[in-house]
Amino acid sequence: MEKSNTDARVHRMFAGDRRWAVLAVAVLWATYAFVFWKVVPNAGSPEVVYALAFAGGVVLLFNSASIFAMLKHYGEDKEHIYGLDLHYLDLLRGKKG
């Protein structure tokens, strides 16, 4: 497989994946905020609200951290990760690589 450090397709693929990942994290946070906002009036006691906030915060923290760690890894190794995809896409399209 031929490896090119200047293949613009690699950078475009990574940029697209990064945009979708950040959008997914934003949607996750918005969903949790909306659900929390709707549930709080029915929670009963402040202790329940604190427990819900803490549990939701932990879930958001770990999910966000995992997505950003994935993006960091993809950014460091994008030539290999996306290069393989492009190699096989080129083969499917009949291009010589």
N, C-alpha and C. Protein backbone atom coordinates (compact mmCIF):
# COMPACT_ATOMS: atom_id res chain seq x y z
N MET A 1 0.84 -1.17 0.00
CA MET A 1 0.00 0.00 0.00
C MET A 1 0.89 1.24 0.00
N GLU A 2 0.57 2.17 -0.85
CA GLU A 2 1.32 3.41 -0.93
C GLU A 2 0.79 4.38 0.11
N LYS A 3 1.68 4.99 0.85
CA LYS A 3 1.30 5.91 1.92
C LYS A 3 1.68 7.32 1.52
N SER A 4 0.73 8.21 1.57
CA SER A 4 0.99 9.59 1.23
C SER A 4 0.70 10.48 2.43
N ASN A 5 1.69 11.26 2.84
CA ASN A 5 1.49 12.16 3.97
C ASN A 5 0.74 13.42 3.57
N THR A 6 0.53 13.62 2.28
CA THR A 6 -0.11 14.85 1.83
C THR A 6 -1.49 14.59 1.22
N ASP A 7 -2.04 13.42 1.42
CA ASP A 7 -3.34 13.10 0.84
C ASP A 7 -4.42 13.93 1.52
N ALA A 8 -5.03 14.83 0.78
CA ALA A 8 -6.06 15.72 1.33
C ALA A 8 -7.29 14.94 1.75
N ARG A 9 -7.51 13.77 1.15
CA ARG A 9 -8.68 12.98 1.51
C ARG A 9 -8.60 12.52 2.97
N VAL A 10 -7.40 12.21 3.45
CA VAL A 10 -7.23 11.81 4.85
C VAL A 10 -7.66 12.94 5.76
N HIS A 11 -7.23 14.14 5.46
CA HIS A 11 -7.56 15.29 6.30
C HIS A 11 -9.06 15.59 6.25
N ARG A 12 -9.67 15.44 5.07
CA ARG A 12 -11.11 15.66 4.95
C ARG A 12 -11.90 14.61 5.73
N MET A 13 -11.47 13.35 5.65
CA MET A 13 -12.16 12.29 6.39
C MET A 13 -12.05 12.52 7.90
N PHE A 14 -10.87 12.87 8.36
CA PHE A 14 -10.68 13.12 9.78
C PHE A 14 -11.50 14.33 10.23
N ALA A 15 -11.51 15.39 9.44
CA ALA A 15 -12.28 16.58 9.80
C ALA A 15 -13.77 16.25 9.87
N GLY A 16 -14.26 15.44 8.97
CA GLY A 16 -15.66 15.03 9.01
C GLY A 16 -15.98 14.20 10.24
N ASP A 17 -15.11 13.26 10.55
CA ASP A 17 -15.31 12.44 11.75
C ASP A 17 -15.25 13.28 13.02
N ARG A 18 -14.34 14.25 13.03
CA ARG A 18 -14.22 15.14 14.20
C ARG A 18 -15.49 15.97 14.37
N ARG A 19 -16.03 16.51 13.27
CA ARG A 19 -17.27 17.28 13.34
C ARG A 19 -18.42 16.44 13.88
N TRP A 20 -18.58 15.22 13.36
CA TRP A 20 -19.66 14.34 13.81
C TRP A 20 -19.50 13.94 15.27
N ALA A 21 -18.27 13.72 15.70
CA ALA A 21 -18.04 13.34 17.10
C ALA A 21 -18.38 14.49 18.05
N VAL A 22 -17.97 15.69 17.69
CA VAL A 22 -18.27 16.86 18.52
C VAL A 22 -19.77 17.12 18.53
N LEU A 23 -20.42 16.95 17.39
CA LEU A 23 -21.88 17.10 17.32
C LEU A 23 -22.56 16.06 18.21
N ALA A 24 -22.07 14.83 18.19
CA ALA A 24 -22.66 13.77 19.02
C ALA A 24 -22.53 14.11 20.50
N VAL A 25 -21.38 14.64 20.91
CA VAL A 25 -21.19 15.04 22.31
C VAL A 25 -22.13 16.19 22.66
N ALA A 26 -22.28 17.16 21.76
CA ALA A 26 -23.18 18.29 22.02
C ALA A 26 -24.63 17.81 22.14
N VAL A 27 -25.04 16.89 21.27
CA VAL A 27 -26.40 16.34 21.35
C VAL A 27 -26.58 15.56 22.65
N LEU A 28 -25.57 14.81 23.06
CA LEU A 28 -25.65 14.08 24.31
C LEU A 28 -25.85 15.04 25.49
N TRP A 29 -25.06 16.10 25.55
CA TRP A 29 -25.18 17.08 26.63
C TRP A 29 -26.56 17.75 26.60
N ALA A 30 -27.02 18.11 25.41
CA ALA A 30 -28.34 18.75 25.29
C ALA A 30 -29.45 17.80 25.73
N THR A 31 -29.34 16.54 25.38
CA THR A 31 -30.34 15.56 25.77
C THR A 31 -30.36 15.38 27.28
N TYR A 32 -29.19 15.26 27.88
CA TYR A 32 -29.14 15.12 29.34
C TYR A 32 -29.69 16.36 30.03
N ALA A 33 -29.37 17.54 29.52
CA ALA A 33 -29.87 18.78 30.11
C ALA A 33 -31.39 18.85 30.01
N PHE A 34 -31.93 18.49 28.86
CA PHE A 34 -33.38 18.52 28.67
C PHE A 34 -34.07 17.54 29.60
N VAL A 35 -33.56 16.32 29.68
CA VAL A 35 -34.17 15.30 30.54
C VAL A 35 -34.08 15.73 32.00
N PHE A 36 -32.93 16.26 32.40
CA PHE A 36 -32.78 16.72 33.79
C PHE A 36 -33.78 17.83 34.09
N TRP A 37 -33.92 18.78 33.18
CA TRP A 37 -34.84 19.90 33.33
C TRP A 37 -36.28 19.40 33.47
N LYS A 38 -36.64 18.37 32.71
CA LYS A 38 -38.00 17.84 32.77
C LYS A 38 -38.24 16.96 34.01
N VAL A 39 -37.20 16.32 34.52
CA VAL A 39 -37.36 15.39 35.64
C VAL A 39 -37.31 16.10 36.99
N VAL A 40 -36.57 17.18 37.10
CA VAL A 40 -36.37 17.85 38.38
C VAL A 40 -37.68 18.23 39.08
N PRO A 41 -38.69 18.75 38.39
CA PRO A 41 -39.93 19.08 39.12
C PRO A 41 -40.61 17.87 39.76
N ASN A 42 -40.38 16.68 39.24
CA ASN A 42 -41.00 15.47 39.77
C ASN A 42 -40.07 14.65 40.67
N ALA A 43 -38.90 15.17 40.95
CA ALA A 43 -37.89 14.40 41.69
C ALA A 43 -38.24 14.20 43.15
N GLY A 44 -38.97 15.09 43.72
CA GLY A 44 -39.34 14.92 45.12
C GLY A 44 -38.45 15.70 46.05
N SER A 45 -37.34 15.15 46.44
CA SER A 45 -36.47 15.80 47.43
C SER A 45 -35.19 16.30 46.77
N PRO A 46 -34.53 17.25 47.41
CA PRO A 46 -33.26 17.75 46.88
C PRO A 46 -32.19 16.67 46.78
N GLU A 47 -32.23 15.68 47.67
CA GLU A 47 -31.24 14.60 47.63
C GLU A 47 -31.34 13.82 46.33
N VAL A 48 -32.56 13.62 45.87
CA VAL A 48 -32.77 12.90 44.59
C VAL A 48 -32.21 13.73 43.44
N VAL A 49 -32.45 15.03 43.48
CA VAL A 49 -31.93 15.92 42.44
C VAL A 49 -30.41 15.88 42.44
N TYR A 50 -29.79 15.90 43.62
CA TYR A 50 -28.32 15.83 43.70
C TYR A 50 -27.80 14.51 43.15
N ALA A 51 -28.48 13.43 43.47
CA ALA A 51 -28.06 12.11 42.98
C ALA A 51 -28.19 12.04 41.46
N LEU A 52 -29.30 12.57 40.92
CA LEU A 52 -29.48 12.59 39.47
C LEU A 52 -28.41 13.45 38.79
N ALA A 53 -28.14 14.61 39.37
CA ALA A 53 -27.12 15.51 38.80
C ALA A 53 -25.75 14.86 38.83
N PHE A 54 -25.41 14.24 39.95
CA PHE A 54 -24.11 13.59 40.06
C PHE A 54 -23.98 12.43 39.06
N ALA A 55 -24.99 11.57 39.01
CA ALA A 55 -24.93 10.42 38.09
C ALA A 55 -24.89 10.87 36.64
N GLY A 56 -25.72 11.85 36.29
CA GLY A 56 -25.70 12.37 34.93
C GLY A 56 -24.37 13.02 34.59
N GLY A 57 -23.82 13.76 35.56
CA GLY A 57 -22.52 14.40 35.35
C GLY A 57 -21.40 13.39 35.11
N VAL A 58 -21.43 12.29 35.86
CA VAL A 58 -20.41 11.25 35.69
C VAL A 58 -20.53 10.61 34.30
N VAL A 59 -21.76 10.34 33.89
CA VAL A 59 -21.97 9.75 32.56
C VAL A 59 -21.48 10.71 31.47
N LEU A 60 -21.85 11.98 31.59
CA LEU A 60 -21.40 12.98 30.61
C LEU A 60 -19.89 13.12 30.60
N LEU A 61 -19.28 13.13 31.78
CA LEU A 61 -17.83 13.24 31.88
C LEU A 61 -17.13 12.09 31.17
N PHE A 62 -17.54 10.85 31.48
CA PHE A 62 -16.87 9.69 30.88
C PHE A 62 -17.14 9.58 29.39
N ASN A 63 -18.37 9.85 28.96
CA ASN A 63 -18.67 9.79 27.53
C ASN A 63 -17.90 10.85 26.75
N SER A 64 -17.88 12.06 27.28
CA SER A 64 -17.15 13.14 26.61
C SER A 64 -15.66 12.84 26.56
N ALA A 65 -15.11 12.38 27.68
CA ALA A 65 -13.67 12.06 27.72
C ALA A 65 -13.32 10.96 26.73
N SER A 66 -14.19 9.95 26.61
CA SER A 66 -13.88 8.86 25.69
C SER A 66 -13.93 9.32 24.23
N ILE A 67 -14.87 10.19 23.90
CA ILE A 67 -14.95 10.70 22.53
C ILE A 67 -13.72 11.55 22.21
N PHE A 68 -13.33 12.41 23.15
CA PHE A 68 -12.16 13.26 22.89
C PHE A 68 -10.86 12.46 22.88
N ALA A 69 -10.79 11.40 23.66
CA ALA A 69 -9.61 10.51 23.59
C ALA A 69 -9.57 9.80 22.25
N MET A 70 -10.73 9.38 21.75
CA MET A 70 -10.79 8.74 20.43
C MET A 70 -10.32 9.73 19.35
N LEU A 71 -10.78 10.97 19.44
CA LEU A 71 -10.36 11.97 18.46
C LEU A 71 -8.85 12.22 18.52
N LYS A 72 -8.30 12.24 19.72
CA LYS A 72 -6.86 12.43 19.87
C LYS A 72 -6.10 11.27 19.21
N HIS A 73 -6.56 10.05 19.46
CA HIS A 73 -5.92 8.89 18.86
C HIS A 73 -6.04 8.92 17.33
N TYR A 74 -7.22 9.23 16.84
CA TYR A 74 -7.41 9.30 15.39
C TYR A 74 -6.52 10.39 14.78
N GLY A 75 -6.38 11.52 15.48
CA GLY A 75 -5.53 12.60 14.98
C GLY A 75 -4.07 12.21 14.91
N GLU A 76 -3.62 11.42 15.90
CA GLU A 76 -2.22 10.99 15.93
C GLU A 76 -1.91 9.93 14.87
N ASP A 77 -2.89 9.12 14.55
CA ASP A 77 -2.65 7.98 13.65
C ASP A 77 -3.55 8.02 12.42
N LYS A 78 -3.96 9.24 12.02
CA LYS A 78 -4.94 9.35 10.93
C LYS A 78 -4.40 8.85 9.59
N GLU A 79 -3.11 8.99 9.34
CA GLU A 79 -2.57 8.49 8.07
C GLU A 79 -2.78 6.99 7.94
N HIS A 80 -2.56 6.27 9.01
CA HIS A 80 -2.74 4.82 8.97
C HIS A 80 -4.23 4.44 8.95
N ILE A 81 -5.01 5.03 9.85
CA ILE A 81 -6.42 4.68 9.97
C ILE A 81 -7.17 4.99 8.67
N TYR A 82 -7.08 6.22 8.21
CA TYR A 82 -7.82 6.62 7.02
C TYR A 82 -7.12 6.15 5.75
N GLY A 83 -5.80 5.96 5.83
CA GLY A 83 -5.08 5.44 4.67
C GLY A 83 -5.57 4.05 4.28
N LEU A 84 -5.84 3.22 5.29
CA LEU A 84 -6.40 1.88 5.00
C LEU A 84 -7.76 1.99 4.34
N ASP A 85 -8.61 2.85 4.87
CA ASP A 85 -9.93 3.05 4.26
C ASP A 85 -9.80 3.50 2.81
N LEU A 86 -8.94 4.48 2.58
CA LEU A 86 -8.77 5.00 1.23
C LEU A 86 -8.16 3.96 0.30
N HIS A 87 -7.24 3.17 0.82
CA HIS A 87 -6.63 2.12 0.01
C HIS A 87 -7.70 1.17 -0.52
N TYR A 88 -8.56 0.70 0.37
CA TYR A 88 -9.60 -0.25 -0.05
C TYR A 88 -10.70 0.41 -0.86
N LEU A 89 -10.99 1.66 -0.60
CA LEU A 89 -11.95 2.38 -1.44
C LEU A 89 -11.40 2.54 -2.86
N ASP A 90 -10.12 2.85 -2.96
CA ASP A 90 -9.49 2.98 -4.28
C ASP A 90 -9.51 1.64 -5.02
N LEU A 91 -9.26 0.56 -4.28
CA LEU A 91 -9.29 -0.77 -4.92
C LEU A 91 -10.70 -1.07 -5.43
N LEU A 92 -11.71 -0.75 -4.66
CA LEU A 92 -13.08 -0.97 -5.09
C LEU A 92 -13.45 -0.15 -6.31
N ARG A 93 -12.89 1.02 -6.40
CA ARG A 93 -13.17 1.90 -7.54
C ARG A 93 -12.29 1.59 -8.74
N GLY A 94 -11.34 0.70 -8.57
CA GLY A 94 -10.48 0.29 -9.68
C GLY A 94 -9.27 1.16 -9.90
N LYS A 95 -8.93 2.01 -8.95
CA LYS A 95 -7.74 2.85 -9.10
C LYS A 95 -6.52 2.05 -8.73
N LYS A 96 -5.41 2.38 -9.33
CA LYS A 96 -4.12 1.79 -8.95
C LYS A 96 -3.55 2.58 -7.79
N GLY A 97 -3.05 1.86 -6.72
CA GLY A 97 -2.55 2.58 -5.54
C GLY A 97 -1.14 2.46 -5.31
